[in-house]
Amino acid sequence: MALEKELKLQSIVILAQSFNTSVFNRHWLVKNNFVEESEIQQNSIFVPGISQIVTRKYNLLVVPEQLQFNVGFDSINFGVEIQNTLLPIIQKLQEIPYRAIGINLSWFIKDTEKDIKTLSKEHFFIEKSTLFQNFDTNNSRFGTYLSKDFNNTRLKLDIKPVNMLDDLSRPVSEHILCSFNFHLDLKPDNSAEELIETINKWGTFKEESQRIVNLL
């Protein structure tokens, strides 16, 4: 078996009772050393109700009830950007009533020797299930959903075949997508402290996702 496994999408989503999006303006971000003026790209958005900061390394989107932070390119070290940008912002805004955090990691898997129909059936087909037997056709694809507690969060793993464009020079190819979500509802009395603690555990969540992917 020649499995290729690649982590391509990483993001952190933070929910709050309300973000004041006007705070996340160009002047405030630069003044507090969260970003250099020269790093802010022209397609960034600063309008009432939405602030989107786009740099070469990361994207930061803020709307009234949600903040989303993700890397601009898969090659960027997400852990470094979390420590350099996201964590200092949260530490600056500890008075906000935060509600929840979700840490998301998406792994794409393919086998250079097998098609996705064969690969997905080998890993996820349940032979004794009449439901799965009903889908056992020449054009079937299989996946699964799993969940468990992990490191004070609820881990939800959704696995399914998807079509993916590797790059513009090659046609769309099928992969198995393993979508990891580590979710935590924050306690109202110490939401900021719990949020910062969870963000600092990002490396352990990445390691757990890789450990699970390597079981395939």
C-alpha atoms as a PDB file:
ATOM      1  CA  MET A   1       0.000   0.000   0.000  1.00  0.00           C
ATOM      2  CA  ALA A   2       1.324   3.440  -0.961  1.00  0.00           C
ATOM      3  CA  LEU A   3      -0.790   5.864   1.035  1.00  0.00           C
ATOM      4  CA  GLU A   4      -0.094   9.574   0.681  1.00  0.00           C
ATOM      5  CA  LYS A   5      -1.338  11.689   3.592  1.00  0.00           C
ATOM      6  CA  GLU A   6      -1.290  15.478   3.609  1.00  0.00           C
ATOM      7  CA  LEU A   7      -2.548  18.054   6.090  1.00  0.00           C
ATOM      8  CA  LYS A   8      -3.947  20.823   3.891  1.00  0.00           C
ATOM      9  CA  LEU A   9      -6.496  22.836   5.896  1.00  0.00           C
ATOM     10  CA  GLN A  10      -6.104  24.137   9.444  1.00  0.00           C
ATOM     11  CA  SER A  11      -8.289  26.647  11.251  1.00  0.00           C
ATOM     12  CA  ILE A  12      -9.461  27.815  14.647  1.00  0.00           C
ATOM     13  CA  VAL A  13     -13.015  29.092  15.086  1.00  0.00           C
ATOM     14  CA  ILE A  14     -13.959  31.012  18.235  1.00  0.00           C
ATOM     15  CA  LEU A  15     -17.551  31.840  19.159  1.00  0.00           C
ATOM     16  CA  ALA A  16     -18.486  34.722  21.462  1.00  0.00           C
ATOM     17  CA  GLN A  17     -21.637  36.452  22.610  1.00  0.00           C
ATOM     18  CA  SER A  18     -20.493  39.422  20.573  1.00  0.00           C
ATOM     19  CA  PHE A  19     -17.314  40.647  18.901  1.00  0.00           C
ATOM     20  CA  ASN A  20     -17.062  44.378  18.289  1.00  0.00           C
ATOM     21  CA  THR A  21     -15.836  44.080  14.716  1.00  0.00           C
ATOM     22  CA  SER A  22     -14.960  47.775  14.545  1.00  0.00           C
ATOM     23  CA  VAL A  23     -12.170  47.131  17.069  1.00  0.00           C
ATOM     24  CA  PHE A  24     -10.405  44.950  14.501  1.00  0.00           C
ATOM     25  CA  ASN A  25      -9.411  47.870  12.316  1.00  0.00           C
ATOM     26  CA  ARG A  26      -6.108  48.483  10.569  1.00  0.00           C
ATOM     27  CA  HIS A  27      -4.905  51.070  13.109  1.00  0.00           C
ATOM     28  CA  TRP A  28      -5.652  48.882  16.166  1.00  0.00           C
ATOM     29  CA  LEU A  29      -3.976  45.820  14.672  1.00  0.00           C
ATOM     30  CA  VAL A  30      -0.811  47.714  13.730  1.00  0.00           C
ATOM     31  CA  LYS A  31      -0.682  49.752  16.960  1.00  0.00           C
ATOM     32  CA  ASN A  32      -0.780  46.595  19.080  1.00  0.00           C
ATOM     33  CA  ASN A  33       1.878  44.888  16.937  1.00  0.00           C
ATOM     34  CA  PHE A  34      -0.429  42.090  15.801  1.00  0.00           C
ATOM     35  CA  VAL A  35       0.525  42.762  12.206  1.00  0.00           C
ATOM     36  CA  GLU A  36       2.843  45.024  10.233  1.00  0.00           C
ATOM     37  CA  GLU A  37       1.153  47.630   8.048  1.00  0.00           C
ATOM     38  CA  SER A  38       2.998  46.285   5.021  1.00  0.00           C
ATOM     39  CA  GLU A  39       1.651  42.763   5.642  1.00  0.00           C
ATOM     40  CA  ILE A  40      -2.015  43.720   5.234  1.00  0.00           C
ATOM     41  CA  GLN A  41      -3.037  42.894   1.686  1.00  0.00           C
ATOM     42  CA  GLN A  42      -5.358  44.953  -0.490  1.00  0.00           C
ATOM     43  CA  ASN A  43      -8.179  42.397  -0.414  1.00  0.00           C
ATOM     44  CA  SER A  44      -8.582  42.851   3.339  1.00  0.00           C
ATOM     45  CA  ILE A  45     -12.012  44.146   4.395  1.00  0.00           C
ATOM     46  CA  PHE A  46     -12.866  46.684   7.093  1.00  0.00           C
ATOM     47  CA  VAL A  47     -16.588  47.524   7.003  1.00  0.00           C
ATOM     48  CA  PRO A  48     -19.335  47.634   9.660  1.00  0.00           C
ATOM     49  CA  GLY A  49     -20.069  44.098  10.827  1.00  0.00           C
ATOM     50  CA  ILE A  50     -17.103  42.448   9.102  1.00  0.00           C
ATOM     51  CA  SER A  51     -13.339  42.668   9.474  1.00  0.00           C
ATOM     52  CA  GLN A  52     -11.194  40.392   7.335  1.00  0.00           C
ATOM     53  CA  ILE A  53      -7.440  40.696   7.620  1.00  0.00           C
ATOM     54  CA  VAL A  54      -5.607  38.963   4.799  1.00  0.00           C
ATOM     55  CA  THR A  55      -1.844  38.537   4.888  1.00  0.00           C
ATOM     56  CA  ARG A  56       0.521  36.257   3.031  1.00  0.00           C
ATOM     57  CA  LYS A  57       0.631  33.924   6.037  1.00  0.00           C
ATOM     58  CA  TYR A  58      -2.895  33.913   7.473  1.00  0.00           C
ATOM     59  CA  ASN A  59      -6.500  35.068   7.195  1.00  0.00           C
ATOM     60  CA  LEU A  60      -8.418  36.475  10.156  1.00  0.00           C
ATOM     61  CA  LEU A  61     -12.179  36.903   9.753  1.00  0.00           C
ATOM     62  CA  VAL A  62     -14.273  38.559  12.467  1.00  0.00           C
ATOM     63  CA  VAL A  63     -18.069  38.874  12.452  1.00  0.00           C
ATOM     64  CA  PRO A  64     -20.250  39.726  15.481  1.00  0.00           C
ATOM     65  CA  GLU A  65     -20.516  36.159  16.842  1.00  0.00           C
ATOM     66  CA  GLN A  66     -17.446  34.470  15.388  1.00  0.00           C
ATOM     67  CA  LEU A  67     -13.711  34.797  14.828  1.00  0.00           C
ATOM     68  CA  GLN A  68     -11.989  32.492  12.347  1.00  0.00           C
ATOM     69  CA  PHE A  69      -8.232  32.161  11.963  1.00  0.00           C
ATOM     70  CA  ASN A  70      -6.602  30.051   9.260  1.00  0.00           C
ATOM     71  CA  VAL A  71      -3.359  29.863   7.318  1.00  0.00           C
ATOM     72  CA  GLY A  72      -3.044  31.400   3.884  1.00  0.00           C
ATOM     73  CA  PHE A  73      -0.998  28.510   2.482  1.00  0.00           C
ATOM     74  CA  ASP A  74      -0.615  24.890   3.536  1.00  0.00           C
ATOM     75  CA  SER A  75       3.157  25.329   3.810  1.00  0.00           C
ATOM     76  CA  ILE A  76       2.817  27.979   6.529  1.00  0.00           C
ATOM     77  CA  ASN A  77       3.598  26.854  10.103  1.00  0.00           C
ATOM     78  CA  PHE A  78       0.168  27.282  11.679  1.00  0.00           C
ATOM     79  CA  GLY A  79       1.484  26.798  15.219  1.00  0.00           C
ATOM     80  CA  VAL A  80       3.850  29.746  14.818  1.00  0.00           C
ATOM     81  CA  GLU A  81       1.087  32.005  13.477  1.00  0.00           C
ATOM     82  CA  ILE A  82      -1.181  31.018  16.376  1.00  0.00           C
ATOM     83  CA  GLN A  83       1.485  32.034  18.901  1.00  0.00           C
ATOM     84  CA  ASN A  84       2.492  35.209  17.054  1.00  0.00           C
ATOM     85  CA  THR A  85      -0.949  36.559  16.147  1.00  0.00           C
ATOM     86  CA  LEU A  86      -4.066  34.781  17.414  1.00  0.00           C
ATOM     87  CA  LEU A  87      -2.974  34.178  20.999  1.00  0.00           C
ATOM     88  CA  PRO A  88      -1.827  37.795  21.607  1.00  0.00           C
ATOM     89  CA  ILE A  89      -5.174  39.067  20.246  1.00  0.00           C
ATOM     90  CA  ILE A  90      -7.158  36.847  22.626  1.00  0.00           C
ATOM     91  CA  GLN A  91      -4.906  37.818  25.542  1.00  0.00           C
ATOM     92  CA  LYS A  92      -5.614  41.468  24.723  1.00  0.00           C
ATOM     93  CA  LEU A  93      -9.385  40.887  24.628  1.00  0.00           C
ATOM     94  CA  GLN A  94      -9.978  38.779  27.736  1.00  0.00           C
ATOM     95  CA  GLU A  95     -13.064  40.776  28.719  1.00  0.00           C
ATOM     96  CA  ILE A  96     -15.093  39.295  25.841  1.00  0.00           C
ATOM     97  CA  PRO A  97     -17.610  36.601  26.910  1.00  0.00           C
ATOM     98  CA  TYR A  98     -16.359  33.693  24.801  1.00  0.00           C
ATOM     99  CA  ARG A  99     -18.693  30.760  24.210  1.00  0.00           C
ATOM    100  CA  ALA A 100     -16.823  27.998  22.378  1.00  0.00           C
ATOM    101  CA  ILE A 101     -13.758  27.043  20.376  1.00  0.00           C
ATOM    102  CA  GLY A 102     -13.324  24.623  17.500  1.00  0.00           C
ATOM    103  CA  ILE A 103      -9.934  23.473  16.220  1.00  0.00           C
ATOM    104  CA  ASN A 104     -10.160  22.034  12.715  1.00  0.00           C
ATOM    105  CA  LEU A 105      -7.627  19.953  10.802  1.00  0.00           C
ATOM    106  CA  SER A 106      -8.267  18.322   7.425  1.00  0.00           C
ATOM    107  CA  TRP A 107      -6.141  15.469   6.132  1.00  0.00           C
ATOM    108  CA  PHE A 108      -6.335  14.339   2.507  1.00  0.00           C
ATOM    109  CA  ILE A 109      -5.428  10.734   1.726  1.00  0.00           C
ATOM    110  CA  LYS A 110      -4.966   8.817  -1.487  1.00  0.00           C
ATOM    111  CA  ASP A 111      -3.327   5.571  -2.574  1.00  0.00           C
ATOM    112  CA  THR A 112      -1.099   5.671  -5.628  1.00  0.00           C
ATOM    113  CA  GLU A 113      -1.898   2.020  -6.326  1.00  0.00           C
ATOM    114  CA  LYS A 114      -5.667   1.907  -5.672  1.00  0.00           C
ATOM    115  CA  ASP A 115      -8.690   3.950  -6.667  1.00  0.00           C
ATOM    116  CA  ILE A 116     -10.880   5.572  -4.015  1.00  0.00           C
ATOM    117  CA  LYS A 117     -13.684   3.056  -4.528  1.00  0.00           C
ATOM    118  CA  THR A 118     -11.345   0.216  -3.535  1.00  0.00           C
ATOM    119  CA  LEU A 119      -9.571   2.159  -0.794  1.00  0.00           C
ATOM    120  CA  SER A 120     -12.748   3.416   0.886  1.00  0.00           C
ATOM    121  CA  LYS A 121     -14.351  -0.029   0.788  1.00  0.00           C
ATOM    122  CA  GLU A 122     -11.291  -1.692   2.322  1.00  0.00           C
ATOM    123  CA  HIS A 123     -11.313   0.684   5.288  1.00  0.00           C
ATOM    124  CA  PHE A 124     -14.958   1.567   5.877  1.00  0.00           C
ATOM    125  CA  PHE A 125     -17.293  -1.076   4.412  1.00  0.00           C
ATOM    126  CA  ILE A 126     -19.181  -3.095   7.062  1.00  0.00           C
ATOM    127  CA  GLU A 127     -19.871  -6.458   5.479  1.00  0.00           C
ATOM    128  CA  LYS A 128     -22.507  -7.612   7.990  1.00  0.00           C
ATOM    129  CA  SER A 129     -24.557  -4.411   7.710  1.00  0.00           C
ATOM    130  CA  THR A 130     -27.605  -4.648   5.438  1.00  0.00           C
ATOM    131  CA  LEU A 131     -27.422  -0.878   4.981  1.00  0.00           C
ATOM    132  CA  PHE A 132     -23.870  -1.082   3.657  1.00  0.00           C
ATOM    133  CA  GLN A 133     -24.761  -4.092   1.531  1.00  0.00           C
ATOM    134  CA  ASN A 134     -27.399  -1.950  -0.157  1.00  0.00           C
ATOM    135  CA  PHE A 135     -24.643   0.451  -1.243  1.00  0.00           C
ATOM    136  CA  ASP A 136     -22.246  -2.232  -2.438  1.00  0.00           C
ATOM    137  CA  THR A 137     -22.248  -1.304  -6.133  1.00  0.00           C
ATOM    138  CA  ASN A 138     -19.681  -0.681  -8.845  1.00  0.00           C
ATOM    139  CA  ASN A 139     -19.789   3.078  -8.234  1.00  0.00           C
ATOM    140  CA  SER A 140     -20.091   3.130  -4.435  1.00  0.00           C
ATOM    141  CA  ARG A 141     -17.912   5.116  -2.034  1.00  0.00           C
ATOM    142  CA  PHE A 142     -17.679   4.666   1.740  1.00  0.00           C
ATOM    143  CA  GLY A 143     -16.777   6.705   4.803  1.00  0.00           C
ATOM    144  CA  THR A 144     -17.550   6.933   8.503  1.00  0.00           C
ATOM    145  CA  TYR A 145     -18.150   9.228  11.495  1.00  0.00           C
ATOM    146  CA  LEU A 146     -16.524   8.807  14.902  1.00  0.00           C
ATOM    147  CA  SER A 147     -16.368  10.846  18.102  1.00  0.00           C
ATOM    148  CA  LYS A 148     -14.737  10.671  21.516  1.00  0.00           C
ATOM    149  CA  ASP A 149     -13.497  12.906  24.323  1.00  0.00           C
ATOM    150  CA  PHE A 150      -9.921  14.088  23.968  1.00  0.00           C
ATOM    151  CA  ASN A 151      -7.922  16.492  26.137  1.00  0.00           C
ATOM    152  CA  ASN A 152     -10.984  18.253  27.577  1.00  0.00           C
ATOM    153  CA  THR A 153     -12.599  18.621  24.122  1.00  0.00           C
ATOM    154  CA  ARG A 154     -15.034  16.563  22.055  1.00  0.00           C
ATOM    155  CA  LEU A 155     -13.296  15.153  19.002  1.00  0.00           C
ATOM    156  CA  LYS A 156     -15.535  14.627  15.970  1.00  0.00           C
ATOM    157  CA  LEU A 157     -14.042  12.912  12.944  1.00  0.00           C
ATOM    158  CA  ASP A 158     -15.849  12.839   9.608  1.00  0.00           C
ATOM    159  CA  ILE A 159     -14.273  10.664   6.901  1.00  0.00           C
ATOM    160  CA  LYS A 160     -15.538  10.707   3.321  1.00  0.00           C
ATOM    161  CA  PRO A 161     -14.316  10.558  -0.289  1.00  0.00           C
ATOM    162  CA  VAL A 162     -14.076  13.945  -2.014  1.00  0.00           C
ATOM    163  CA  ASN A 163     -12.944  15.408  -5.310  1.00  0.00           C
ATOM    164  CA  MET A 164      -9.977  17.732  -5.010  1.00  0.00           C
ATOM    165  CA  LEU A 165      -8.082  19.945  -7.420  1.00  0.00           C
ATOM    166  CA  ASP A 166      -4.411  19.372  -6.588  1.00  0.00           C
ATOM    167  CA  ASP A 167      -3.315  22.292  -8.762  1.00  0.00           C
ATOM    168  CA  LEU A 168      -4.384  23.978 -11.976  1.00  0.00           C
ATOM    169  CA  SER A 169      -2.038  21.893 -14.097  1.00  0.00           C
ATOM    170  CA  ARG A 170      -3.616  18.564 -13.111  1.00  0.00           C
ATOM    171  CA  PRO A 171      -7.200  17.258 -13.297  1.00  0.00           C
ATOM    172  CA  VAL A 172      -9.491  16.802 -10.314  1.00  0.00           C
ATOM    173  CA  SER A 173      -8.610  13.684  -8.327  1.00  0.00           C
ATOM    174  CA  GLU A 174     -10.412  11.709  -5.639  1.00  0.00           C
ATOM    175  CA  HIS A 175      -9.103  11.654  -2.082  1.00  0.00           C
ATOM    176  CA  ILE A 176     -10.356  10.478   1.274  1.00  0.00           C
ATOM    177  CA  LEU A 177     -10.926  13.511   3.479  1.00  0.00           C
ATOM    178  CA  CYS A 178     -10.473  13.121   7.241  1.00  0.00           C
ATOM    179  CA  SER A 179     -12.024  16.201   8.884  1.00  0.00           C
ATOM    180  CA  PHE A 180     -11.082  16.581  12.551  1.00  0.00           C
ATOM    181  CA  ASN A 181     -12.966  18.966  14.828  1.00  0.00           C
ATOM    182  CA  PHE A 182     -11.898  19.412  18.456  1.00  0.00           C
ATOM    183  CA  HIS A 183     -14.760  21.310  20.137  1.00  0.00           C
ATOM    184  CA  LEU A 184     -15.055  22.834  23.589  1.00  0.00           C
ATOM    185  CA  ASP A 185     -17.935  24.805  25.099  1.00  0.00           C
ATOM    186  CA  LEU A 186     -16.330  27.358  27.401  1.00  0.00           C
ATOM    187  CA  LYS A 187     -17.396  27.995  30.989  1.00  0.00           C
ATOM    188  CA  PRO A 188     -18.877  31.506  31.369  1.00  0.00           C
ATOM    189  CA  ASP A 189     -17.003  32.341  34.566  1.00  0.00           C
ATOM    190  CA  ASN A 190     -13.513  31.829  33.088  1.00  0.00           C
ATOM    191  CA  SER A 191     -14.055  31.623  29.350  1.00  0.00           C
ATOM    192  CA  ALA A 192     -10.978  33.638  28.340  1.00  0.00           C
ATOM    193  CA  GLU A 193      -8.639  31.620  30.549  1.00  0.00           C
ATOM    194  CA  GLU A 194     -10.063  28.334  29.273  1.00  0.00           C
ATOM    195  CA  LEU A 195      -9.865  29.582  25.692  1.00  0.00           C
ATOM    196  CA  ILE A 196      -6.192  30.542  25.998  1.00  0.00           C
ATOM    197  CA  GLU A 197      -5.407  27.200  27.629  1.00  0.00           C
ATOM    198  CA  THR A 198      -7.075  25.330  24.757  1.00  0.00           C
ATOM    199  CA  ILE A 199      -5.319  27.367  22.065  1.00  0.00           C
ATOM    200  CA  ASN A 200      -1.997  26.552  23.713  1.00  0.00           C
ATOM    201  CA  LYS A 201      -2.804  22.842  23.298  1.00  0.00           C
ATOM    202  CA  TRP A 202      -2.988  23.152  19.510  1.00  0.00           C
ATOM    203  CA  GLY A 203       0.109  21.002  19.042  1.00  0.00           C
ATOM    204  CA  THR A 204      -1.443  18.085  20.944  1.00  0.00           C
ATOM    205  CA  PHE A 205      -4.558  18.243  18.750  1.00  0.00           C
ATOM    206  CA  LYS A 206      -2.449  18.173  15.602  1.00  0.00           C
ATOM    207  CA  GLU A 207      -0.452  15.221  16.929  1.00  0.00           C
ATOM    208  CA  GLU A 208      -3.627  13.294  17.779  1.00  0.00           C
ATOM    209  CA  SER A 209      -5.055  13.869  14.307  1.00  0.00           C
ATOM    210  CA  GLN A 210      -1.840  12.622  12.720  1.00  0.00           C
ATOM    211  CA  ARG A 211      -1.729   9.589  15.015  1.00  0.00           C
ATOM    212  CA  ILE A 212      -5.264   8.628  13.981  1.00  0.00           C
ATOM    213  CA  VAL A 213      -4.608   9.198  10.279  1.00  0.00           C
ATOM    214  CA  ASN A 214      -1.564   6.949  10.532  1.00  0.00           C
ATOM    215  CA  LEU A 215      -3.851   4.110  11.660  1.00  0.00           C
ATOM    216  CA  LEU A 216      -5.176   3.877   8.106  1.00  0.00           C
END
